[in-house]
Amino acid sequence: MRSIMPLGDAVTVRPAVVADAPAVASVHVQTWQAAYRGLVPDSVLDGLSVEERTAMWERGIPRGGVWVGLVDDVVAGFVAVGPSREPDAAFEVYAIYVLPSAWGTGLGFSLARAALGDEQDVVLWVFDENPRARRFYERLGFRADGTVKTETIGGAELKEIRYRFTGVAG
């Protein structure tokens, strides 16, 4: 597994360490608030807590599978991957988030490539009504596989579509 991927003078992707938890939590909250506004109820988005997410990431990062993307030595994105929770897949992308200020920069692609390595059977879930994320995953080579589920968040029922990757990331 690669340990550090320099991506130019100002951008680096590396495995997360526990000290990254507050920054990962901040990216997590900020990105949810930007990407899901109008989809997830405002009350849920406005109630997200960096402190609660920090505690979650302090527990999660030591388990491995979390990578951070730094721009000018500041965490601007992260990805979390690991064994699939689905019985018919080997590997799963649990989360990938990049600050809105870094959207369109290629940081998300670099994070995905670092975390996925040479995995050949990967799944992830994406909100049906999140066209930006769906386009991103499709550019990575993921395709909707026909599996859907509904998740209730703050009283809103949100349809999720499972995407699957079965090749080498470009």
C-alpha atoms as a PDB file:
ATOM      1  CA  MET A   1       0.000   0.000   0.000  1.00  0.00           C
ATOM      2  CA  ARG A   2       1.247   3.462  -0.866  1.00  0.00           C
ATOM      3  CA  SER A   3       1.970   5.634   2.144  1.00  0.00           C
ATOM      4  CA  ILE A   4       2.246   9.132   0.654  1.00  0.00           C
ATOM      5  CA  MET A   5       1.294  10.420  -2.780  1.00  0.00           C
ATOM      6  CA  PRO A   6       2.607  13.917  -3.525  1.00  0.00           C
ATOM      7  CA  LEU A   7       0.386  15.499  -6.177  1.00  0.00           C
ATOM      8  CA  GLY A   8       2.359  18.594  -6.978  1.00  0.00           C
ATOM      9  CA  ASP A   9       3.820  21.327  -4.872  1.00  0.00           C
ATOM     10  CA  ALA A  10       0.773  21.947  -2.691  1.00  0.00           C
ATOM     11  CA  VAL A  11      -1.284  18.713  -2.655  1.00  0.00           C
ATOM     12  CA  THR A  12      -0.575  15.437  -0.848  1.00  0.00           C
ATOM     13  CA  VAL A  13      -2.635  12.316  -0.141  1.00  0.00           C
ATOM     14  CA  ARG A  14      -1.594  10.147   2.816  1.00  0.00           C
ATOM     15  CA  PRO A  15      -3.065   7.749   5.365  1.00  0.00           C
ATOM     16  CA  ALA A  16      -4.855   9.596   8.151  1.00  0.00           C
ATOM     17  CA  VAL A  17      -3.507   9.678  11.692  1.00  0.00           C
ATOM     18  CA  VAL A  18      -5.555  10.274  14.840  1.00  0.00           C
ATOM     19  CA  ALA A  19      -4.309  13.870  15.008  1.00  0.00           C
ATOM     20  CA  ASP A  20      -6.215  14.443  11.723  1.00  0.00           C
ATOM     21  CA  ALA A  21      -9.560  13.635  13.368  1.00  0.00           C
ATOM     22  CA  PRO A  22     -10.629  17.265  14.040  1.00  0.00           C
ATOM     23  CA  ALA A  23      -9.797  18.293  10.472  1.00  0.00           C
ATOM     24  CA  VAL A  24     -11.528  15.236   8.995  1.00  0.00           C
ATOM     25  CA  ALA A  25     -14.573  15.988  11.159  1.00  0.00           C
ATOM     26  CA  SER A  26     -14.614  19.594   9.965  1.00  0.00           C
ATOM     27  CA  VAL A  27     -14.449  18.509   6.309  1.00  0.00           C
ATOM     28  CA  HIS A  28     -17.187  15.949   6.992  1.00  0.00           C
ATOM     29  CA  VAL A  29     -19.560  18.537   8.484  1.00  0.00           C
ATOM     30  CA  GLN A  30     -18.802  21.330   5.999  1.00  0.00           C
ATOM     31  CA  THR A  31     -19.200  19.032   3.021  1.00  0.00           C
ATOM     32  CA  TRP A  32     -22.472  17.557   4.240  1.00  0.00           C
ATOM     33  CA  GLN A  33     -23.804  21.072   4.799  1.00  0.00           C
ATOM     34  CA  ALA A  34     -22.811  22.159   1.287  1.00  0.00           C
ATOM     35  CA  ALA A  35     -23.510  19.023  -0.738  1.00  0.00           C
ATOM     36  CA  TYR A  36     -26.745  17.918   0.889  1.00  0.00           C
ATOM     37  CA  ARG A  37     -28.502  21.280   1.434  1.00  0.00           C
ATOM     38  CA  GLY A  38     -31.952  20.923  -0.126  1.00  0.00           C
ATOM     39  CA  LEU A  39     -31.763  17.128   0.063  1.00  0.00           C
ATOM     40  CA  VAL A  40     -31.240  16.438   3.771  1.00  0.00           C
ATOM     41  CA  PRO A  41     -33.426  18.534   6.114  1.00  0.00           C
ATOM     42  CA  ASP A  42     -31.805  21.809   7.192  1.00  0.00           C
ATOM     43  CA  SER A  43     -32.401  20.897  10.835  1.00  0.00           C
ATOM     44  CA  VAL A  44     -30.134  17.863  10.437  1.00  0.00           C
ATOM     45  CA  LEU A  45     -27.439  19.760   8.553  1.00  0.00           C
ATOM     46  CA  ASP A  46     -27.490  22.720  10.938  1.00  0.00           C
ATOM     47  CA  GLY A  47     -27.282  20.351  13.898  1.00  0.00           C
ATOM     48  CA  LEU A  48     -24.135  18.543  12.734  1.00  0.00           C
ATOM     49  CA  SER A  49     -21.380  18.766  15.311  1.00  0.00           C
ATOM     50  CA  VAL A  50     -17.674  18.875  14.519  1.00  0.00           C
ATOM     51  CA  GLU A  51     -17.036  17.741  18.110  1.00  0.00           C
ATOM     52  CA  GLU A  52     -19.212  14.625  17.717  1.00  0.00           C
ATOM     53  CA  ARG A  53     -17.649  13.815  14.352  1.00  0.00           C
ATOM     54  CA  THR A  54     -14.178  14.313  15.842  1.00  0.00           C
ATOM     55  CA  ALA A  55     -14.923  11.658  18.468  1.00  0.00           C
ATOM     56  CA  MET A  56     -16.229   9.356  15.729  1.00  0.00           C
ATOM     57  CA  TRP A  57     -13.066   9.806  13.631  1.00  0.00           C
ATOM     58  CA  GLU A  58     -10.780   9.420  16.665  1.00  0.00           C
ATOM     59  CA  ARG A  59     -12.290   5.930  16.997  1.00  0.00           C
ATOM     60  CA  GLY A  60     -12.368   5.185  13.266  1.00  0.00           C
ATOM     61  CA  ILE A  61      -8.981   6.352  12.022  1.00  0.00           C
ATOM     62  CA  PRO A  62      -6.942   3.818  14.056  1.00  0.00           C
ATOM     63  CA  ARG A  63      -8.832   0.984  12.328  1.00  0.00           C
ATOM     64  CA  GLY A  64      -7.221   2.030   9.040  1.00  0.00           C
ATOM     65  CA  GLY A  65      -8.639   2.683   5.612  1.00  0.00           C
ATOM     66  CA  VAL A  66      -8.872   6.458   6.075  1.00  0.00           C
ATOM     67  CA  TRP A  67      -6.843   8.715   3.797  1.00  0.00           C
ATOM     68  CA  VAL A  68      -6.595  12.503   3.849  1.00  0.00           C
ATOM     69  CA  GLY A  69      -5.961  14.930   1.027  1.00  0.00           C
ATOM     70  CA  LEU A  70      -3.996  18.005   2.033  1.00  0.00           C
ATOM     71  CA  VAL A  71      -3.829  21.247   0.091  1.00  0.00           C
ATOM     72  CA  ASP A  72      -1.016  23.494   1.331  1.00  0.00           C
ATOM     73  CA  ASP A  73      -0.681  21.172   4.353  1.00  0.00           C
ATOM     74  CA  VAL A  74      -4.356  21.628   5.342  1.00  0.00           C
ATOM     75  CA  VAL A  75      -6.823  18.714   5.197  1.00  0.00           C
ATOM     76  CA  ALA A  76      -9.239  19.490   2.347  1.00  0.00           C
ATOM     77  CA  GLY A  77     -10.718  16.022   1.867  1.00  0.00           C
ATOM     78  CA  PHE A  78     -10.802  12.436   3.045  1.00  0.00           C
ATOM     79  CA  VAL A  79     -11.884   8.965   2.026  1.00  0.00           C
ATOM     80  CA  ALA A  80     -12.773   5.971   4.221  1.00  0.00           C
ATOM     81  CA  VAL A  81     -12.724   2.457   2.772  1.00  0.00           C
ATOM     82  CA  GLY A  82     -12.678  -1.117   3.977  1.00  0.00           C
ATOM     83  CA  PRO A  83     -14.317  -4.527   3.796  1.00  0.00           C
ATOM     84  CA  SER A  84     -17.753  -4.396   2.229  1.00  0.00           C
ATOM     85  CA  ARG A  85     -20.813  -4.481   4.441  1.00  0.00           C
ATOM     86  CA  GLU A  86     -22.543  -6.091   1.447  1.00  0.00           C
ATOM     87  CA  PRO A  87     -22.326  -9.887   1.189  1.00  0.00           C
ATOM     88  CA  ASP A  88     -21.834  -9.792  -2.602  1.00  0.00           C
ATOM     89  CA  ALA A  89     -18.833  -7.442  -2.717  1.00  0.00           C
ATOM     90  CA  ALA A  90     -15.304  -7.491  -1.349  1.00  0.00           C
ATOM     91  CA  PHE A  91     -14.546  -3.818  -0.663  1.00  0.00           C
ATOM     92  CA  GLU A  92     -16.538  -0.655   0.046  1.00  0.00           C
ATOM     93  CA  VAL A  93     -16.090   3.102  -0.102  1.00  0.00           C
ATOM     94  CA  TYR A  94     -17.781   4.239   3.119  1.00  0.00           C
ATOM     95  CA  ALA A  95     -17.258   7.963   2.594  1.00  0.00           C
ATOM     96  CA  ILE A  96     -15.422  10.383   0.353  1.00  0.00           C
ATOM     97  CA  TYR A  97     -15.725  14.101   0.960  1.00  0.00           C
ATOM     98  CA  VAL A  98     -13.817  17.097  -0.355  1.00  0.00           C
ATOM     99  CA  LEU A  99     -14.364  20.685   0.755  1.00  0.00           C
ATOM    100  CA  PRO A 100     -16.396  22.701  -1.757  1.00  0.00           C
ATOM    101  CA  SER A 101     -13.372  24.963  -2.264  1.00  0.00           C
ATOM    102  CA  ALA A 102     -11.522  21.907  -3.659  1.00  0.00           C
ATOM    103  CA  TRP A 103     -14.351  20.568  -5.860  1.00  0.00           C
ATOM    104  CA  GLY A 104     -13.192  20.127  -9.413  1.00  0.00           C
ATOM    105  CA  THR A 105      -9.488  20.136  -8.520  1.00  0.00           C
ATOM    106  CA  GLY A 106      -8.883  16.401  -8.881  1.00  0.00           C
ATOM    107  CA  LEU A 107      -8.373  15.895  -5.141  1.00  0.00           C
ATOM    108  CA  GLY A 108     -11.326  13.495  -4.945  1.00  0.00           C
ATOM    109  CA  PHE A 109      -9.878  11.377  -7.758  1.00  0.00           C
ATOM    110  CA  SER A 110      -6.498  11.276  -6.047  1.00  0.00           C
ATOM    111  CA  LEU A 111      -8.079  10.233  -2.760  1.00  0.00           C
ATOM    112  CA  ALA A 112     -10.061   7.477  -4.464  1.00  0.00           C
ATOM    113  CA  ARG A 113      -7.033   6.155  -6.341  1.00  0.00           C
ATOM    114  CA  ALA A 114      -4.918   6.082  -3.179  1.00  0.00           C
ATOM    115  CA  ALA A 115      -7.564   4.345  -1.093  1.00  0.00           C
ATOM    116  CA  LEU A 116      -8.727   1.853  -3.713  1.00  0.00           C
ATOM    117  CA  GLY A 117      -5.292   0.785  -4.876  1.00  0.00           C
ATOM    118  CA  ASP A 118      -5.821  -2.269  -7.064  1.00  0.00           C
ATOM    119  CA  GLU A 119      -9.145  -3.382  -5.562  1.00  0.00           C
ATOM    120  CA  GLN A 120     -11.299  -5.026  -8.222  1.00  0.00           C
ATOM    121  CA  ASP A 121     -14.728  -5.402  -6.601  1.00  0.00           C
ATOM    122  CA  VAL A 122     -15.851  -2.236  -4.835  1.00  0.00           C
ATOM    123  CA  VAL A 123     -19.288  -0.899  -3.931  1.00  0.00           C
ATOM    124  CA  LEU A 124     -20.570   2.376  -2.536  1.00  0.00           C
ATOM    125  CA  TRP A 125     -23.910   4.028  -1.883  1.00  0.00           C
ATOM    126  CA  VAL A 126     -24.887   7.448  -3.214  1.00  0.00           C
ATOM    127  CA  PHE A 127     -28.055   9.490  -2.908  1.00  0.00           C
ATOM    128  CA  ASP A 128     -30.109   9.219  -6.100  1.00  0.00           C
ATOM    129  CA  GLU A 129     -30.642  12.988  -6.051  1.00  0.00           C
ATOM    130  CA  ASN A 130     -26.925  13.821  -5.844  1.00  0.00           C
ATOM    131  CA  PRO A 131     -25.944  14.245  -9.509  1.00  0.00           C
ATOM    132  CA  ARG A 132     -22.531  15.770  -8.732  1.00  0.00           C
ATOM    133  CA  ALA A 133     -21.461  12.705  -6.715  1.00  0.00           C
ATOM    134  CA  ARG A 134     -22.974  10.318  -9.239  1.00  0.00           C
ATOM    135  CA  ARG A 135     -21.000  11.942 -12.090  1.00  0.00           C
ATOM    136  CA  PHE A 136     -17.841  11.790  -9.965  1.00  0.00           C
ATOM    137  CA  TYR A 137     -18.236   8.050  -9.307  1.00  0.00           C
ATOM    138  CA  GLU A 138     -19.069   7.369 -12.937  1.00  0.00           C
ATOM    139  CA  ARG A 139     -15.873   9.157 -14.035  1.00  0.00           C
ATOM    140  CA  LEU A 140     -13.977   6.828 -11.653  1.00  0.00           C
ATOM    141  CA  GLY A 141     -15.511   3.832 -13.446  1.00  0.00           C
ATOM    142  CA  PHE A 142     -18.326   3.000 -11.013  1.00  0.00           C
ATOM    143  CA  ARG A 143     -21.734   2.065 -12.444  1.00  0.00           C
ATOM    144  CA  ALA A 144     -25.156   1.793 -10.803  1.00  0.00           C
ATOM    145  CA  ASP A 145     -25.810  -1.917 -10.342  1.00  0.00           C
ATOM    146  CA  GLY A 146     -29.593  -1.759  -9.897  1.00  0.00           C
ATOM    147  CA  THR A 147     -29.612  -2.149  -6.116  1.00  0.00           C
ATOM    148  CA  VAL A 148     -31.515   0.583  -4.251  1.00  0.00           C
ATOM    149  CA  LYS A 149     -32.478   1.295  -0.666  1.00  0.00           C
ATOM    150  CA  THR A 150     -34.183   4.068   1.232  1.00  0.00           C
ATOM    151  CA  GLU A 151     -32.599   5.823   4.193  1.00  0.00           C
ATOM    152  CA  THR A 152     -34.543   8.079   6.526  1.00  0.00           C
ATOM    153  CA  ILE A 153     -32.609  11.142   7.725  1.00  0.00           C
ATOM    154  CA  GLY A 154     -34.379  13.710   9.863  1.00  0.00           C
ATOM    155  CA  GLY A 155     -37.751  12.457   8.676  1.00  0.00           C
ATOM    156  CA  ALA A 156     -36.843  12.667   4.987  1.00  0.00           C
ATOM    157  CA  GLU A 157     -36.796   9.452   2.999  1.00  0.00           C
ATOM    158  CA  LEU A 158     -33.799   9.466   0.677  1.00  0.00           C
ATOM    159  CA  LYS A 159     -33.296   6.930  -2.079  1.00  0.00           C
ATOM    160  CA  GLU A 160     -29.773   5.542  -2.321  1.00  0.00           C
ATOM    161  CA  ILE A 161     -28.319   3.773  -5.320  1.00  0.00           C
ATOM    162  CA  ARG A 162     -25.516   1.256  -5.083  1.00  0.00           C
ATOM    163  CA  TYR A 163     -22.618   1.738  -7.454  1.00  0.00           C
ATOM    164  CA  ARG A 164     -20.100  -0.978  -8.256  1.00  0.00           C
ATOM    165  CA  PHE A 165     -16.571  -0.888  -9.632  1.00  0.00           C
ATOM    166  CA  THR A 166     -15.060  -4.027 -11.142  1.00  0.00           C
ATOM    167  CA  GLY A 167     -11.924  -2.786 -12.850  1.00  0.00           C
ATOM    168  CA  VAL A 168      -8.727  -0.893 -12.279  1.00  0.00           C
ATOM    169  CA  ALA A 169      -9.144   2.807 -11.457  1.00  0.00           C
ATOM    170  CA  GLY A 170      -7.676   5.022 -14.158  1.00  0.00           C
END
